[in-house]
Protein backbone atom coordinates (compact mmCIF):
# COMPACT_ATOMS: atom_id res chain seq x y z
CA UNK A 1 37.63 80.12 24.01
CA UNK A 2 36.13 76.93 22.63
CA UNK A 3 38.47 73.95 22.80
CA UNK A 4 38.18 71.37 20.02
CA UNK A 5 39.73 67.93 20.50
CA UNK A 6 40.36 65.89 17.36
CA UNK A 7 39.61 62.28 18.28
CA UNK A 8 38.70 60.54 15.05
CA UNK A 9 42.00 58.87 14.24
CA UNK A 10 42.29 55.13 13.76
CA UNK A 11 45.65 54.63 15.47
CA UNK A 12 46.85 52.04 12.96
CA UNK A 13 50.50 52.36 14.04
CA UNK A 14 49.48 51.04 17.48
CA UNK A 15 48.02 47.80 16.14
CA UNK A 16 47.30 45.23 17.56
CA UNK A 17 46.61 47.12 20.81
CA UNK A 18 44.66 49.78 18.93
CA UNK A 19 41.60 48.57 17.01
CA UNK A 20 38.94 50.20 14.86
CA UNK A 21 36.35 50.12 17.63
CA UNK A 22 38.83 51.21 20.31
CA UNK A 23 41.62 53.31 18.78
CA UNK A 24 44.69 54.54 20.60
CA UNK A 25 43.13 57.77 21.93
CA UNK A 26 40.73 55.62 23.99
CA UNK A 27 43.43 53.32 25.39
CA UNK A 28 45.26 53.58 28.71
CA UNK A 29 48.68 53.51 27.09
CA UNK A 30 50.34 55.75 29.70
CA UNK A 31 48.50 54.95 32.92
CA UNK A 32 45.05 54.77 34.45
CA UNK A 33 43.43 57.16 31.97
CA UNK A 34 43.27 57.20 28.20
CA UNK A 35 45.00 59.89 26.14
CA UNK A 36 41.61 61.41 25.31
CA UNK A 37 40.59 61.53 28.98
CA UNK A 38 43.93 63.15 29.85
CA UNK A 39 43.40 65.76 27.13
CA UNK A 40 39.91 66.58 28.43
CA UNK A 41 41.24 66.87 32.00
CA UNK A 42 44.01 69.21 30.82
CA UNK A 43 41.57 71.51 29.05
CA UNK A 44 39.06 71.47 31.91
CA UNK A 45 41.68 73.25 34.01
CA UNK A 46 41.55 76.11 31.50
CA UNK A 47 37.91 76.28 30.42
CA UNK A 48 34.42 75.15 31.32
CA UNK A 49 33.59 71.65 30.16
CA UNK A 50 30.64 73.14 28.23
CA UNK A 51 33.21 74.82 25.97
CA UNK A 52 35.05 71.59 25.14
CA UNK A 53 34.03 69.90 21.88
CA UNK A 54 35.22 66.55 20.56
CA UNK A 55 35.20 65.69 16.86
CA UNK A 56 35.14 62.01 15.98
CA UNK A 57 33.94 59.50 13.41
CA UNK A 58 30.35 58.28 13.36
CA UNK A 59 31.36 54.74 14.31
CA UNK A 60 33.13 56.00 17.47
CA UNK A 61 30.63 58.62 18.60
CA UNK A 62 28.62 56.49 21.05
CA UNK A 63 31.75 54.99 22.60
CA UNK A 64 33.34 58.41 23.07
CA UNK A 65 30.19 59.85 24.66
CA UNK A 66 30.46 57.16 27.33
CA UNK A 67 34.24 57.43 27.54
CA UNK A 68 34.53 61.14 28.42
CA UNK A 69 32.71 61.91 31.62
CA UNK A 70 31.21 65.36 31.87
CA UNK A 71 31.49 66.52 28.25
CA UNK A 72 27.92 67.30 27.13
CA UNK A 73 26.54 64.87 24.56
CA UNK A 74 25.77 67.75 22.19
CA UNK A 75 29.48 68.66 22.23
CA UNK A 76 30.41 65.45 20.42
CA UNK A 77 30.63 66.51 16.77
CA UNK A 78 30.25 63.62 14.37
CA UNK A 79 32.05 63.24 11.05
CA UNK A 80 30.30 60.69 8.81
CA UNK A 81 33.80 59.38 8.02
CA UNK A 82 37.38 60.50 8.64
CA UNK A 83 38.63 63.09 6.14
CA UNK A 84 41.89 64.20 7.82
CA UNK A 85 42.32 67.33 9.92
CA UNK A 86 41.27 70.22 7.65
CA UNK A 87 37.64 69.09 7.12
CA UNK A 88 37.48 67.95 10.76
CA UNK A 89 38.53 71.37 12.07
CA UNK A 90 36.30 73.19 9.58
CA UNK A 91 33.26 71.19 10.71
CA UNK A 92 34.02 72.08 14.33
CA UNK A 93 34.44 75.76 13.41
CA UNK A 94 31.04 75.67 11.72
CA UNK A 95 29.39 74.33 14.88
CA UNK A 96 31.12 76.95 17.04
CA UNK A 97 30.11 79.75 14.67
CA UNK A 98 26.48 78.74 15.10
CA UNK A 99 26.86 79.11 18.88
CA UNK A 100 28.97 82.26 19.03
CA UNK A 101 30.26 83.73 15.79
CA UNK A 102 32.99 86.01 17.16
CA UNK A 103 34.77 83.48 19.35
CA UNK A 104 38.28 82.08 19.66
CA UNK A 105 38.83 78.44 18.79
CA UNK A 106 41.64 76.22 20.05
CA UNK A 107 42.38 72.92 18.30
CA UNK A 108 44.06 70.08 20.21
CA UNK A 109 44.98 66.51 19.18
CA UNK A 110 43.71 63.78 21.50
CA UNK A 111 46.97 61.82 21.57
CA UNK A 112 49.64 64.19 22.90
CA UNK A 113 51.51 63.94 26.17
CA UNK A 114 52.02 67.31 27.84
CA UNK A 115 53.90 67.81 31.11
CA UNK A 116 53.95 71.21 32.82
CA UNK A 117 50.46 72.65 33.13
CA UNK A 118 51.51 76.19 34.06
CA UNK A 119 53.65 76.50 30.94
CA UNK A 120 50.87 74.92 28.85
CA UNK A 121 48.35 77.43 30.21
CA UNK A 122 50.74 80.32 29.58
CA UNK A 123 51.32 79.28 25.95
CA UNK A 124 47.60 78.84 25.24
CA UNK A 125 46.71 82.18 26.84
CA UNK A 126 49.43 83.95 24.83
CA UNK A 127 48.22 82.35 21.60
CA UNK A 128 44.60 83.25 22.38
CA UNK A 129 45.57 86.86 23.11
CA UNK A 130 47.48 87.20 19.83
CA UNK A 131 44.75 85.50 17.80
CA UNK A 132 42.22 87.98 19.13
CA UNK A 133 44.42 91.10 19.05
CA UNK A 134 45.99 90.69 15.61
CA UNK A 135 43.47 88.45 13.81
CA UNK A 136 46.21 85.96 13.01
CA UNK A 137 46.44 82.20 12.74
CA UNK A 138 48.52 81.07 15.73
CA UNK A 139 50.19 77.74 16.37
CA UNK A 140 52.26 76.23 19.17
CA UNK A 141 55.88 75.18 18.61
CA UNK A 142 58.02 73.03 20.87
CA UNK A 143 61.76 73.53 21.38
CA UNK A 144 63.42 70.40 19.93
CA UNK A 145 65.54 68.34 22.30
CA UNK A 146 66.83 65.87 19.71
CA UNK A 147 66.76 65.52 15.88
CA UNK A 148 63.37 63.82 15.53
CA UNK A 149 62.32 62.38 12.18
CA UNK A 150 58.82 61.65 13.53
CA UNK A 151 57.66 65.27 13.84
CA UNK A 152 57.08 68.15 11.46
CA UNK A 153 58.94 71.41 12.05
CA UNK A 154 58.20 75.14 12.07
CA UNK A 155 60.87 77.66 11.14
CA UNK A 156 60.43 81.07 12.76
CA UNK A 157 61.91 84.54 12.29
CA UNK A 158 64.23 84.68 15.30
CA UNK A 159 64.33 88.50 15.34
CA UNK A 160 60.53 88.91 15.29
CA UNK A 161 59.57 88.28 18.93
CA UNK A 162 56.34 90.06 19.88
CA UNK A 163 56.54 92.14 23.09
CA UNK A 164 58.65 89.57 24.96
CA UNK A 165 55.82 87.01 24.74
CA UNK A 166 57.95 84.21 23.27
CA UNK A 167 55.88 84.47 20.08
CA UNK A 168 57.34 84.89 16.59
CA UNK A 169 56.40 85.20 12.94
CA UNK A 170 56.46 81.90 11.08
CA UNK A 171 58.92 81.67 8.19
CA UNK A 172 58.09 78.18 6.91
CA UNK A 173 56.64 74.78 7.73
CA UNK A 174 58.65 71.63 7.08
CA UNK A 175 57.40 68.06 6.72
CA UNK A 176 58.95 65.20 8.70
CA UNK A 177 62.64 65.32 7.69
CA UNK A 178 65.28 62.67 7.15
CA UNK A 179 67.85 62.38 9.94
CA UNK A 180 70.55 64.60 8.41
CA UNK A 181 68.04 67.39 7.82
CA UNK A 182 66.62 66.99 11.33
CA UNK A 183 70.15 67.44 12.69
CA UNK A 184 70.53 70.65 10.67
CA UNK A 185 67.18 71.91 11.98
CA UNK A 186 68.32 71.28 15.55
CA UNK A 187 71.67 72.98 15.00
CA UNK A 188 70.15 76.06 13.36
CA UNK A 189 68.14 76.89 16.52
CA UNK A 190 65.34 78.59 14.55
CA UNK A 191 63.23 75.46 14.06
CA UNK A 192 60.57 74.17 16.45
CA UNK A 193 58.65 70.93 16.51
CA UNK A 194 55.16 71.40 15.11
CA UNK A 195 52.96 70.85 18.16
CA UNK A 196 49.76 70.40 16.14
CA UNK A 197 47.92 72.89 18.37
CA UNK A 198 46.19 75.84 16.71
CA UNK A 199 44.48 78.96 18.07
CA UNK A 200 42.50 81.45 15.98
CA UNK A 201 39.28 83.39 15.77
CA UNK A 202 36.47 81.76 13.85
CA UNK A 203 36.35 84.74 11.47
CA UNK A 204 40.10 84.60 10.71
CA UNK A 205 40.01 80.85 10.18
CA UNK A 206 36.97 80.97 7.88
CA UNK A 207 38.50 83.81 5.87
CA UNK A 208 41.70 81.85 5.32
CA UNK A 209 39.84 78.65 4.41
CA UNK A 210 37.89 80.61 1.80
CA UNK A 211 41.16 81.88 0.27
CA UNK A 212 43.34 78.77 0.46
CA UNK A 213 40.83 75.90 0.42
CA UNK A 214 37.90 77.26 -1.63
CA UNK A 215 36.51 73.85 -2.55
CA UNK A 216 36.30 72.80 1.10
CA UNK A 217 34.78 76.17 1.95
CA UNK A 218 32.01 75.65 -0.62
CA UNK A 219 31.22 72.19 0.72
CA UNK A 220 31.17 73.39 4.33
CA UNK A 221 28.75 76.17 3.34
CA UNK A 222 26.42 73.54 1.85
CA UNK A 223 26.71 71.49 5.04
CA UNK A 224 25.87 74.60 7.09
CA UNK A 225 22.57 74.99 5.24
CA UNK A 226 21.76 71.31 5.81
CA UNK A 227 22.45 71.64 9.55
CA UNK A 228 20.17 74.70 9.74
CA UNK A 229 17.39 72.61 8.20
CA UNK A 230 18.09 69.64 10.46
CA UNK A 231 19.00 67.50 7.45
CA UNK A 232 21.91 65.05 7.16
CA UNK A 233 24.95 65.84 5.05
CA UNK A 234 26.61 62.45 4.48
CA UNK A 235 26.36 62.79 0.69
CA UNK A 236 28.26 66.11 0.75
CA UNK A 237 30.85 64.88 3.24
CA UNK A 238 31.64 61.85 1.09
CA UNK A 239 32.74 64.15 -1.74
CA UNK A 240 35.19 66.11 0.43
CA UNK A 241 38.85 65.48 -0.40
CA UNK A 242 40.86 64.41 2.67
CA UNK A 243 43.46 67.05 3.53
CA UNK A 244 45.61 67.93 6.51
CA UNK A 245 45.32 71.39 8.01
CA UNK A 246 49.10 71.81 7.71
CA UNK A 247 49.22 71.11 3.98
CA UNK A 248 45.86 72.61 3.08
CA UNK A 249 46.09 75.85 5.06
CA UNK A 250 49.11 76.49 7.29
CA UNK A 251 51.78 75.98 4.60
CA UNK A 252 49.92 78.37 2.27
CA UNK A 253 48.75 81.14 4.59
CA UNK A 254 50.90 84.12 5.55
CA UNK A 255 51.04 86.18 8.73
CA UNK A 256 51.12 83.21 11.10
CA UNK A 257 52.46 83.44 14.64
CA UNK A 258 54.10 80.61 16.54
CA UNK A 259 54.28 80.61 20.33
CA UNK A 260 57.44 78.90 21.53
CA UNK A 261 56.20 76.70 24.37
CA UNK A 262 58.26 75.56 27.35
CA UNK A 263 56.23 72.54 28.45
CA UNK A 264 57.39 68.97 27.84
CA UNK A 265 55.62 67.47 24.84
CA UNK A 266 55.39 64.23 22.90
CA UNK A 267 53.18 63.33 19.97
CA UNK A 268 52.40 59.72 20.84
CA UNK A 269 52.43 58.51 17.26
CA UNK A 270 54.21 55.17 17.52
CA UNK A 271 55.49 52.46 19.86
CA UNK A 272 58.98 53.99 19.61
CA UNK A 273 57.79 57.19 21.24
CA UNK A 274 56.08 55.23 24.01
CA UNK A 275 59.40 53.43 24.54
CA UNK A 276 61.28 56.75 24.58
CA UNK A 277 59.19 58.11 27.47
CA UNK A 278 58.91 54.82 29.42
CA UNK A 279 61.17 53.64 32.27
CA UNK A 280 63.99 51.37 31.07
CA UNK A 281 66.46 48.99 32.67
CA UNK A 282 70.25 49.25 32.30
CA UNK A 283 70.05 47.67 28.84
CA UNK A 284 67.46 50.15 27.59
CA UNK A 285 64.66 47.59 27.68
CA UNK A 286 61.08 48.34 28.71
CA UNK A 287 58.92 45.43 29.84
CA UNK A 288 55.20 45.73 30.47
CA UNK A 289 53.56 42.55 31.71
CA UNK A 290 54.97 39.03 31.97
CA UNK A 291 58.17 38.91 29.89
CA UNK A 292 61.87 38.09 29.98
CA UNK A 293 64.66 39.57 27.87
CA UNK A 294 68.05 37.85 27.79
CA UNK A 295 71.06 39.24 25.96
CA UNK A 296 69.00 41.94 24.30
CA UNK A 297 69.09 45.73 24.31
CA UNK A 298 66.76 48.63 23.50
CA UNK A 299 63.59 46.51 23.24
CA UNK A 300 59.98 47.35 24.09
CA UNK A 301 57.79 44.42 25.14
CA UNK A 302 54.13 44.62 26.16
CA UNK A 303 52.36 41.42 27.14
CA UNK A 304 48.65 41.02 27.64
CA UNK A 305 48.96 38.07 30.03
CA UNK A 306 50.88 35.69 27.78
CA UNK A 307 54.51 35.11 28.79
CA UNK A 308 57.04 36.44 26.27
CA UNK A 309 60.74 35.54 26.13
CA UNK A 310 63.31 37.35 23.96
CA UNK A 311 66.80 35.95 23.51
CA UNK A 312 69.60 37.71 21.67
CA UNK A 313 67.42 40.37 20.04
CA UNK A 314 68.05 44.12 19.97
CA UNK A 315 65.86 47.03 18.88
CA UNK A 316 62.53 45.25 18.51
CA UNK A 317 58.97 45.97 19.62
CA UNK A 318 56.79 43.05 20.70
CA UNK A 319 53.10 43.56 21.47
CA UNK A 320 50.66 40.78 22.36
CA UNK A 321 46.88 40.88 22.72
CA UNK A 322 44.33 38.10 23.15
CA UNK A 323 44.16 37.42 19.42
CA UNK A 324 47.30 38.85 17.80
CA UNK A 325 51.03 39.37 18.24
CA UNK A 326 53.21 42.02 16.62
CA UNK A 327 56.99 41.71 16.31
CA UNK A 328 58.63 44.62 14.48
CA UNK A 329 62.10 46.16 14.18
CA UNK A 330 62.17 49.53 15.92
CA UNK A 331 63.35 51.31 12.80
CA UNK A 332 60.21 50.13 10.98
CA UNK A 333 57.44 50.83 13.49
CA UNK A 334 56.04 53.54 11.22
CA UNK A 335 55.17 50.73 8.79
CA UNK A 336 52.86 48.89 11.20
CA UNK A 337 50.01 50.67 9.40
CA UNK A 338 50.92 48.52 6.37
CA UNK A 339 50.01 45.43 8.39
CA UNK A 340 46.60 46.96 9.02
CA UNK A 341 46.20 47.69 5.30
CA UNK A 342 47.01 44.06 4.52
CA UNK A 343 44.37 42.90 7.02
CA UNK A 344 41.86 45.29 5.45
CA UNK A 345 42.64 44.06 1.94
CA UNK A 346 42.44 40.45 3.13
CA UNK A 347 39.12 41.23 4.87
CA UNK A 348 40.30 39.97 8.26
CA UNK A 349 37.74 42.12 10.06
CA UNK A 350 38.15 40.24 13.35
CA UNK A 351 41.71 41.58 13.61
CA UNK A 352 40.95 45.21 12.77
């Protein structure tokens, strides 16, 4: 199996710590290694490093080549610009098809926390087996532990388990819900968190793209001819409409399997999730660096050397870097990307 890591995101919700030239997947948010390095290490336990490919934007390619030790330089697949996950995955599938047409492809985000390698390996092996045996699109679902509004969901047919493999037919995909709906999903017991991990054969994937995303399929075919001739394809790529793989393909295709995984999982998409998985004191506060919190609860503070003091504040995130400080209410951390948009519109390039 070829393992594809998607590492082209900009990480705008982690501003100011995450920047354009060094986005969140390249940052040591959880420890001594970056999320991308941790993802590579996880996959190296399953497959040869020669079978691990990383897709990223052109402006990050050189940095990522240096950042991930051992991954061959030719395995860094470069998108001229970010176009969301469907074009990204399709470009990777094209490169794999040129190496070995009848192969299995696994797709993995660069910014997920996974605990429990044996269960991870078991889920991936099950998905790979089903993808090969039944020529199906297969995804990984995570048993919800609380009513999250930050994740998408997968509804499965609870009476459709395949040969006691903890794999089921998918009934529907659901976008990130509001809290009441998330509570209903949790109570129903037939919804899983969408883990954003996909396993399929190249042939099955290409066939489904041709059916459900014909315009993208046509553009990828043109790019394939350019690659064969050793010619650039920036002009074609620019015309591609950005689209997520969930919306463009998975929500439209039928006959999809979901493997119900038993490993611990978090999609590290915001400072709130980092706070959720971080050690806290008796007041629910997490402090990283030089800071003091008085008469405050449920705060996350990360200092980059500058002393921070909070007095009488609850439910806030405070992040400092050498040149910027973010203070945001915890229930609005998803909107940090709007700060980045403002900086872009105001052409404050030094802060991006």
